[in-house]
Amino acid sequence: MSPSPLTAQSVRAARERIAGHIIVTPTVFSQALSQATGAHVYLKLENLQHTGAFKVRGALAKITTLNDAQKKAGVIAMSAGNHAQGVAYHAGRLGIPATIVMPKGTPFMKIRKTRDYGATVLLEGESLVEASAFAEKLATERGITFIHPYNDPDVIAGQGTIGFEMLDAVPELDTIVVPIGGGGMIAGIALAAKAVKPTIDIIGVEPELYPSMSNAVQGRKLPCGGSTMAEGIAVVTAGAVSAPIVRAHVRSVVTVSETSIERAVAMLATRGKTVTEGAGAAPLAALLEYRDMFEGKTVGLVISGANVDARMLSSVLMRDLVREKKVLTLNIEMPDKPGQLHAVSGICAEEGANVLEVIHSRFAMDLSASSARLGITLETRDEDHAKQVMDRIRMSGFKLSIRDPNEP
């Protein structure tokens, strides 16, 4: 493949074109996350963009290159989420007809938001690959401009404006950590940041289920597929335009587990005081998994988006409480006679544990007919407090075990 024509000047030109029409999002220091990771952590809050994600930058950078005839004809894009909303938002704002092709399984919330920005939404294909093929075919048939979510030089340049902004805000950054799907954002950021500060390290992060850029730059053929919370970067094939730039300018690309992504989403909400989707939390997940790589450094994390389903966020936060034993369910075996439930609940009250749920069963077949089982879900301050409560219950003569959270 021939070298990409993209340069830092391409990103500077995109920055001038989109100035005043996107939010120059803050890059803020997080004391809590710095303490948790051992690095000096700054968050680039792209989740504060108009549509809740960085994709508005690339969408507008592309749209601003269109001539009047192209604008009149309209644009088309393929996306299951943030890119769709970015294109729809700016096209609607500028009076440009927009068609967005989404896979049939796209969540209703994302479809509704895209339509709310004024775009025509077509549901085609069972996957992004099928939706993309349909969108490109329709673009050719109708003579309208196809805006690719990452494999387009103008889109990449628009996303890269993030790099200039981060170093404007925090010149002392040693490292910038970027989530990778197709690679458009990290390619643009690398071009910009390296032009300002050649010594800076750019680190990419992928979900371990979708190592598409790792495959591209390292010549591997690891499988890509499966259900991930970071669906915004669940890309099977890295961008042909972005991959050579990543190979040339990105120090390394790491993969992170689903557990780390979950932990990062919860940590950003509870300690970082910001809401993010799985893809946006991937950079923090990398700091959690690869602590030695970042410890002691001044690190900028690109929090790329906040478009997380409310039910998903609720589930992640509750699972994190269970993981940290701040919420746990105890199975307590007790004599089937009056006063036993009162005795256990009294211990919980005295120890300062909050009772969330109680299930009292007399019919478990693994117990004698004279016994009962109490399933009690407690909220505690931390793991040490949970142990204190359990020790007190055992000292009172009750047998107990912690219910596996994977049990139905």
Protein backbone atom coordinates (compact mmCIF):
# COMPACT_ATOMS: atom_id res chain seq x y z
CA MET A 1 0.00 0.00 0.00
CA SER A 2 1.27 3.47 -0.87
CA PRO A 3 1.95 5.92 1.95
CA SER A 4 -1.07 7.87 3.20
CA PRO A 5 -1.30 11.48 1.95
CA LEU A 6 -2.46 12.46 5.40
CA THR A 7 -0.16 14.73 7.42
CA ALA A 8 -0.35 16.89 10.50
CA GLN A 9 -1.16 19.78 8.14
CA SER A 10 -4.26 17.85 7.03
CA VAL A 11 -5.38 17.82 10.65
CA ARG A 12 -4.61 21.52 11.07
CA ALA A 13 -6.72 22.30 8.00
CA ALA A 14 -9.59 20.22 9.39
CA ARG A 15 -9.28 22.07 12.68
CA GLU A 16 -9.76 25.39 10.90
CA ARG A 17 -12.80 24.11 8.97
CA ILE A 18 -14.66 22.79 12.00
CA ALA A 19 -13.71 25.58 14.42
CA GLY A 20 -16.73 27.06 16.14
CA HIS A 21 -19.01 24.17 15.20
CA ILE A 22 -17.77 21.50 17.60
CA ILE A 23 -17.08 21.74 21.32
CA VAL A 24 -13.45 22.17 22.34
CA THR A 25 -13.93 19.67 25.13
CA PRO A 26 -12.01 20.03 28.41
CA THR A 27 -8.98 17.96 29.33
CA VAL A 28 -9.27 17.61 33.09
CA PHE A 29 -7.02 16.13 35.77
CA SER A 30 -8.52 13.33 37.86
CA GLN A 31 -7.04 12.98 41.32
CA ALA A 32 -9.15 9.92 42.10
CA LEU A 33 -8.15 8.01 38.97
CA SER A 34 -4.53 9.03 39.41
CA GLN A 35 -4.53 7.51 42.89
CA ALA A 36 -6.21 4.36 41.59
CA THR A 37 -3.76 3.78 38.72
CA GLY A 38 -0.45 5.27 39.84
CA ALA A 39 -0.32 7.59 36.80
CA HIS A 40 -1.08 11.30 36.51
CA VAL A 41 -4.38 10.94 34.69
CA TYR A 42 -6.06 13.54 32.49
CA LEU A 43 -9.42 12.89 30.81
CA LYS A 44 -10.23 14.32 27.37
CA LEU A 45 -14.01 14.52 27.72
CA GLU A 46 -15.28 13.89 24.21
CA ASN A 47 -18.42 12.51 25.85
CA LEU A 48 -19.43 16.18 26.21
CA GLN A 49 -19.79 16.71 22.45
CA HIS A 50 -23.23 17.65 21.07
CA THR A 51 -24.08 14.03 20.24
CA GLY A 52 -22.18 12.54 23.18
CA ALA A 53 -19.20 11.34 21.14
CA PHE A 54 -16.11 12.43 19.20
CA LYS A 55 -17.56 11.33 15.84
CA VAL A 56 -19.02 14.79 15.18
CA ARG A 57 -15.49 16.00 14.41
CA GLY A 58 -14.83 13.67 11.50
CA ALA A 59 -18.37 13.96 10.16
CA LEU A 60 -18.14 17.74 9.97
CA ALA A 61 -14.59 17.69 8.60
CA LYS A 62 -15.85 15.59 5.68
CA ILE A 63 -19.04 17.58 5.12
CA THR A 64 -17.08 20.84 4.93
CA THR A 65 -15.16 19.52 1.91
CA LEU A 66 -18.33 19.05 -0.16
CA ASN A 67 -19.25 21.46 -2.95
CA ASP A 68 -22.74 22.93 -3.31
CA ALA A 69 -23.91 20.25 -5.72
CA GLN A 70 -22.76 17.47 -3.38
CA LYS A 71 -24.47 19.12 -0.42
CA LYS A 72 -27.70 19.43 -2.38
CA ALA A 73 -27.58 15.77 -3.41
CA GLY A 74 -27.02 14.67 0.18
CA VAL A 75 -24.87 12.28 2.15
CA ILE A 76 -25.12 8.68 3.30
CA ALA A 77 -23.35 6.85 6.11
CA MET A 78 -23.23 3.42 7.65
CA SER A 79 -23.16 3.16 11.44
CA ALA A 80 -24.81 1.52 14.42
CA GLY A 81 -24.36 4.50 16.70
CA ASN A 82 -22.04 7.45 17.18
CA HIS A 83 -20.98 8.06 13.58
CA ALA A 84 -24.63 7.92 12.52
CA GLN A 85 -25.53 10.62 15.00
CA GLY A 86 -22.51 12.75 14.09
CA VAL A 87 -23.37 12.76 10.39
CA ALA A 88 -27.08 13.25 11.05
CA TYR A 89 -26.48 16.12 13.47
CA HIS A 90 -24.25 18.20 11.20
CA ALA A 91 -26.18 17.38 8.01
CA GLY A 92 -29.40 18.45 9.72
CA ARG A 93 -27.79 21.62 11.06
CA LEU A 94 -26.57 22.56 7.57
CA GLY A 95 -29.74 21.56 5.71
CA ILE A 96 -28.11 18.63 3.89
CA PRO A 97 -30.25 15.52 3.25
CA ALA A 98 -28.81 12.57 5.17
CA THR A 99 -29.47 8.84 4.93
CA ILE A 100 -28.09 6.51 7.58
CA VAL A 101 -27.93 2.75 7.04
CA MET A 102 -27.99 0.73 10.26
CA PRO A 103 -27.92 -3.04 10.80
CA LYS A 104 -31.31 -4.55 11.61
CA GLY A 105 -30.32 -5.34 15.19
CA THR A 106 -29.42 -1.74 16.10
CA PRO A 107 -30.91 -0.73 19.50
CA PHE A 108 -34.10 1.36 19.25
CA MET A 109 -32.53 4.19 21.26
CA LYS A 110 -29.79 4.72 18.66
CA ILE A 111 -32.27 4.59 15.79
CA ARG A 112 -34.52 7.13 17.50
CA LYS A 113 -31.69 9.54 18.27
CA THR A 114 -30.44 9.43 14.68
CA ARG A 115 -33.93 10.12 13.34
CA ASP A 116 -34.36 12.94 15.83
CA TYR A 117 -31.44 14.74 14.15
CA GLY A 118 -33.41 14.68 10.89
CA ALA A 119 -31.82 11.76 9.05
CA THR A 120 -33.63 9.04 7.12
CA VAL A 121 -32.75 5.72 8.74
CA LEU A 122 -32.71 2.50 6.73
CA LEU A 123 -32.31 -0.84 8.51
CA GLU A 124 -30.41 -3.18 6.23
CA GLY A 125 -28.20 -6.22 6.81
CA GLU A 126 -27.46 -8.37 9.81
CA SER A 127 -24.03 -6.82 10.42
CA LEU A 128 -22.06 -3.62 9.88
CA VAL A 129 -20.32 -5.25 6.91
CA GLU A 130 -23.65 -5.93 5.19
CA ALA A 131 -24.98 -2.48 6.11
CA SER A 132 -21.83 -0.86 4.70
CA ALA A 133 -22.10 -2.74 1.41
CA PHE A 134 -25.71 -1.62 1.05
CA ALA A 135 -24.84 2.00 1.87
CA GLU A 136 -22.01 2.14 -0.68
CA LYS A 137 -24.24 0.60 -3.35
CA LEU A 138 -26.98 3.13 -2.61
CA ALA A 139 -24.48 6.00 -2.71
CA THR A 140 -23.40 4.95 -6.22
CA GLU A 141 -26.97 4.50 -7.44
CA ARG A 142 -28.16 7.88 -6.12
CA GLY A 143 -25.01 9.85 -6.75
CA ILE A 144 -24.63 10.94 -3.14
CA THR A 145 -21.54 11.17 -0.95
CA PHE A 146 -20.71 8.20 1.25
CA ILE A 147 -19.10 9.19 4.56
CA HIS A 148 -17.16 6.24 5.95
CA PRO A 149 -16.87 6.15 9.77
CA TYR A 150 -13.07 5.74 9.77
CA ASN A 151 -11.58 4.80 6.40
CA ASP A 152 -11.67 8.32 4.96
CA PRO A 153 -8.77 10.84 5.07
CA ASP A 154 -11.03 13.83 5.83
CA VAL A 155 -12.78 11.97 8.64
CA ILE A 156 -9.43 10.89 10.10
CA ALA A 157 -8.16 14.47 9.97
CA GLY A 158 -11.25 15.68 11.80
CA GLN A 159 -10.86 13.12 14.57
CA GLY A 160 -7.18 14.03 14.85
CA THR A 161 -8.03 17.55 16.06
CA ILE A 162 -8.40 15.95 19.49
CA GLY A 163 -4.60 15.53 19.62
CA PHE A 164 -3.90 19.24 19.11
CA GLU A 165 -6.45 20.17 21.77
CA MET A 166 -5.02 17.78 24.35
CA LEU A 167 -1.48 19.13 24.00
CA ASP A 168 -2.75 22.71 23.96
CA ALA A 169 -4.39 22.01 27.31
CA VAL A 170 -1.68 19.80 28.88
CA PRO A 171 1.70 20.19 27.10
CA GLU A 172 3.41 17.95 29.65
CA LEU A 173 1.55 14.80 28.55
CA ASP A 174 3.90 11.82 28.15
CA THR A 175 1.31 9.46 26.70
CA ILE A 176 -2.08 9.59 25.00
CA VAL A 177 -4.25 6.46 25.21
CA VAL A 178 -6.92 6.06 22.52
CA PRO A 179 -9.66 3.47 21.92
CA ILE A 180 -9.38 1.75 18.53
CA GLY A 181 -12.13 0.46 16.30
CA GLY A 182 -11.28 1.06 12.66
CA GLY A 183 -8.41 3.30 13.73
CA GLY A 184 -9.47 6.68 12.35
CA MET A 185 -9.26 8.56 15.62
CA ILE A 186 -5.90 7.17 16.75
CA ALA A 187 -4.37 7.74 13.30
CA GLY A 188 -5.42 11.39 13.31
CA ILE A 189 -4.38 11.97 16.92
CA ALA A 190 -0.98 10.36 16.28
CA LEU A 191 -0.30 12.66 13.33
CA ALA A 192 -1.27 15.75 15.30
CA ALA A 193 0.37 14.90 18.61
CA LYS A 194 3.64 13.69 17.11
CA ALA A 195 3.92 16.93 15.10
CA VAL A 196 3.65 18.98 18.31
CA LYS A 197 5.64 16.67 20.57
CA PRO A 198 7.67 13.97 18.75
CA THR A 199 8.57 12.21 22.03
CA ILE A 200 4.99 11.55 23.05
CA ASP A 201 3.80 7.93 23.14
CA ILE A 202 0.49 7.01 21.52
CA ILE A 203 -1.09 3.80 22.82
CA GLY A 204 -4.11 2.16 21.22
CA VAL A 205 -6.64 -0.01 23.05
CA GLU A 206 -8.91 -2.69 21.60
CA PRO A 207 -11.34 -5.14 23.24
CA GLU A 208 -9.67 -8.55 23.30
CA LEU A 209 -12.59 -9.95 21.29
CA TYR A 210 -11.83 -7.57 18.39
CA PRO A 211 -8.04 -7.26 17.86
CA SER A 212 -8.47 -5.95 14.32
CA MET A 213 -5.76 -3.28 14.43
CA SER A 214 -3.38 -5.62 16.25
CA ASN A 215 -3.90 -8.07 13.39
CA ALA A 216 -3.27 -5.35 10.80
CA VAL A 217 -0.07 -3.91 12.25
CA GLN A 218 1.42 -7.17 13.53
CA GLY A 219 0.45 -9.41 10.63
CA ARG A 220 -1.67 -11.68 12.79
CA LYS A 221 -4.96 -13.42 12.08
CA LEU A 222 -6.58 -13.61 15.49
CA PRO A 223 -10.36 -14.10 15.35
CA CYS A 224 -12.64 -11.07 15.78
CA GLY A 225 -16.16 -11.63 17.07
CA GLY A 226 -18.42 -12.00 20.06
CA SER A 227 -20.46 -9.82 22.36
CA THR A 228 -18.57 -6.91 23.89
CA MET A 229 -19.62 -3.97 26.00
CA ALA A 230 -17.33 -1.84 23.83
CA GLU A 231 -19.53 -2.27 20.75
CA GLY A 232 -18.44 1.12 19.45
CA ILE A 233 -14.98 -0.31 18.68
CA ALA A 234 -16.06 -3.85 17.79
CA VAL A 235 -14.61 -3.73 14.26
CA VAL A 236 -13.63 -6.86 12.35
CA THR A 237 -11.25 -5.22 9.86
CA ALA A 238 -9.06 -2.17 10.58
CA GLY A 239 -9.15 0.77 8.18
CA ALA A 240 -6.83 0.53 5.19
CA VAL A 241 -6.09 4.27 5.45
CA SER A 242 -5.45 4.30 9.19
CA ALA A 243 -3.43 1.08 9.60
CA PRO A 244 -0.19 2.36 7.98
CA ILE A 245 -0.34 5.52 10.10
CA VAL A 246 -0.80 3.45 13.24
CA ARG A 247 2.09 1.21 12.23
CA ALA A 248 4.34 4.23 11.75
CA HIS A 249 3.37 6.46 14.68
CA VAL A 250 1.70 4.42 17.44
CA ARG A 251 3.98 2.89 20.05
CA SER A 252 1.80 -0.13 20.76
CA VAL A 253 -1.73 -1.50 20.56
CA VAL A 254 -2.99 -3.46 23.57
CA THR A 255 -6.14 -5.47 24.15
CA VAL A 256 -8.27 -5.40 27.29
CA SER A 257 -10.72 -7.86 28.80
CA GLU A 258 -14.46 -7.38 29.20
CA THR A 259 -13.99 -7.38 32.97
CA SER A 260 -11.51 -4.51 32.74
CA ILE A 261 -13.86 -2.53 30.49
CA GLU A 262 -16.69 -3.03 32.99
CA ARG A 263 -14.49 -1.95 35.88
CA ALA A 264 -13.38 1.12 33.94
CA VAL A 265 -16.96 2.19 33.16
CA ALA A 266 -17.86 1.85 36.83
CA MET A 267 -14.69 3.60 38.01
CA LEU A 268 -15.23 6.53 35.66
CA ALA A 269 -18.79 6.91 36.96
CA THR A 270 -18.06 6.54 40.67
CA ARG A 271 -14.57 8.05 40.94
CA GLY A 272 -14.12 10.05 37.76
CA LYS A 273 -17.67 11.46 37.97
CA THR A 274 -18.25 11.03 34.24
CA VAL A 275 -20.50 8.68 32.28
CA THR A 276 -18.99 6.78 29.37
CA GLU A 277 -19.80 3.88 27.09
CA GLY A 278 -17.63 0.78 26.95
CA ALA A 279 -15.49 2.06 24.08
CA GLY A 280 -14.86 5.33 25.91
CA ALA A 281 -13.72 3.46 29.02
CA ALA A 282 -11.20 1.28 27.13
CA PRO A 283 -8.24 3.66 27.79
CA LEU A 284 -8.80 3.47 31.54
CA ALA A 285 -9.17 -0.32 31.23
CA ALA A 286 -5.67 -0.34 29.72
CA LEU A 287 -4.28 1.53 32.75
CA LEU A 288 -5.90 -1.05 35.03
CA GLU A 289 -4.54 -4.04 33.10
CA TYR A 290 -1.10 -2.66 32.19
CA ARG A 291 -0.28 -0.59 35.24
CA ASP A 292 3.51 -0.95 34.83
CA MET A 293 3.33 0.60 31.35
CA PHE A 294 1.82 3.85 32.65
CA GLU A 295 2.77 4.17 36.32
CA GLY A 296 4.37 7.53 37.13
CA LYS A 297 3.66 9.00 33.69
CA THR A 298 1.43 11.90 32.74
CA VAL A 299 -1.26 10.20 30.70
CA GLY A 300 -4.18 11.57 28.68
CA LEU A 301 -7.16 9.27 28.20
CA VAL A 302 -9.56 9.96 25.33
CA ILE A 303 -13.05 9.40 26.77
CA SER A 304 -14.56 9.00 23.34
CA GLY A 305 -18.29 8.78 24.05
CA ALA A 306 -21.12 8.61 26.57
CA ASN A 307 -23.86 6.87 24.62
CA VAL A 308 -24.36 3.93 26.95
CA ASP A 309 -27.75 2.30 27.42
CA ALA A 310 -29.19 3.19 30.84
CA ARG A 311 -29.96 -0.44 31.65
CA MET A 312 -26.44 -1.47 30.71
CA LEU A 313 -24.95 1.24 32.94
CA SER A 314 -27.19 0.21 35.83
CA SER A 315 -26.14 -3.42 35.43
CA VAL A 316 -22.44 -2.54 35.29
CA LEU A 317 -22.61 -0.41 38.42
CA MET A 318 -24.44 -3.13 40.36
CA ARG A 319 -22.03 -5.81 39.15
CA ASP A 320 -19.14 -3.64 40.32
CA LEU A 321 -20.68 -3.41 43.80
CA VAL A 322 -20.98 -7.21 43.85
CA ARG A 323 -17.39 -7.58 42.62
CA GLU A 324 -16.13 -5.37 45.45
CA LYS A 325 -18.40 -7.15 47.97
CA LYS A 326 -20.23 -3.94 48.71
CA VAL A 327 -23.37 -5.87 47.81
CA LEU A 328 -23.50 -9.59 48.60
CA THR A 329 -26.08 -12.28 49.25
CA LEU A 330 -25.64 -14.65 52.18
CA ASN A 331 -27.26 -18.06 52.48
CA ILE A 332 -27.83 -18.65 56.20
CA GLU A 333 -28.98 -21.97 57.64
CA MET A 334 -31.07 -21.63 60.81
CA PRO A 335 -33.46 -23.57 63.04
CA ASP A 336 -37.05 -23.23 61.85
CA LYS A 337 -38.41 -21.53 64.95
CA PRO A 338 -39.61 -18.04 65.91
CA GLY A 339 -37.07 -15.25 66.37
CA GLN A 340 -34.32 -16.43 64.03
CA LEU A 341 -34.95 -13.89 61.27
CA HIS A 342 -35.18 -11.16 63.89
CA ALA A 343 -31.84 -12.25 65.34
CA VAL A 344 -30.03 -12.05 61.96
CA SER A 345 -31.59 -8.74 60.98
CA GLY A 346 -30.68 -7.36 64.41
CA ILE A 347 -27.02 -8.29 63.89
CA CYS A 348 -27.04 -6.55 60.49
CA ALA A 349 -28.55 -3.42 62.02
CA GLU A 350 -26.05 -3.36 64.88
CA GLU A 351 -23.13 -3.74 62.47
CA GLY A 352 -24.41 -1.01 60.14
CA ALA A 353 -25.22 -3.21 57.14
CA ASN A 354 -28.22 -2.29 54.98
CA VAL A 355 -30.64 -5.14 54.18
CA LEU A 356 -31.74 -4.95 50.52
CA GLU A 357 -33.67 -8.21 50.12
CA VAL A 358 -34.74 -11.21 52.20
CA ILE A 359 -35.91 -14.64 50.99
CA HIS A 360 -36.95 -17.13 53.67
CA SER A 361 -37.29 -20.77 52.52
CA ARG A 362 -38.50 -23.77 54.51
CA PHE A 363 -38.66 -26.21 51.60
CA ALA A 364 -35.06 -26.66 50.46
CA MET A 365 -34.63 -30.42 50.10
CA ASP A 366 -30.99 -30.35 51.20
CA LEU A 367 -32.07 -29.16 54.67
CA SER A 368 -33.69 -31.13 57.47
CA ALA A 369 -37.41 -30.54 58.05
CA SER A 370 -36.55 -28.64 61.23
CA SER A 371 -34.34 -26.11 59.42
CA ALA A 372 -34.85 -23.14 57.11
CA ARG A 373 -32.62 -21.13 54.80
CA LEU A 374 -32.44 -17.36 54.78
CA GLY A 375 -31.18 -15.64 51.65
CA ILE A 376 -30.31 -12.10 52.67
CA THR A 377 -28.80 -9.46 50.37
CA LEU A 378 -26.74 -6.83 52.15
CA GLU A 379 -25.12 -3.55 51.29
CA THR A 380 -21.84 -2.98 53.16
CA ARG A 381 -19.16 -0.31 53.16
CA ASP A 382 -16.44 -2.54 51.73
CA GLU A 383 -15.04 -6.07 51.85
CA ASP A 384 -13.68 -5.65 55.40
CA HIS A 385 -17.09 -4.49 56.64
CA ALA A 386 -18.73 -7.48 54.91
CA LYS A 387 -16.33 -9.83 56.69
CA GLN A 388 -17.10 -8.15 60.01
CA VAL A 389 -20.84 -8.73 59.53
CA MET A 390 -20.34 -12.37 58.49
CA ASP A 391 -18.04 -13.09 61.45
CA ARG A 392 -20.66 -11.69 63.83
CA ILE A 393 -23.39 -13.88 62.29
CA ARG A 394 -21.21 -16.98 62.59
CA MET A 395 -20.34 -16.13 66.21
CA SER A 396 -24.07 -16.12 66.92
CA GLY A 397 -24.26 -19.78 65.93
CA PHE A 398 -25.48 -19.58 62.33
CA LYS A 399 -23.96 -21.41 59.36
CA LEU A 400 -23.54 -19.21 56.30
CA SER A 401 -22.05 -19.08 52.84
CA ILE A 402 -21.79 -16.35 50.21
CA ARG A 403 -24.02 -16.99 47.23
CA ASP A 404 -22.14 -17.11 43.93
CA PRO A 405 -23.31 -14.05 41.96
CA ASN A 406 -23.46 -16.26 38.85
CA GLU A 407 -26.17 -18.41 40.44
CA PRO A 408 -29.71 -17.73 39.15
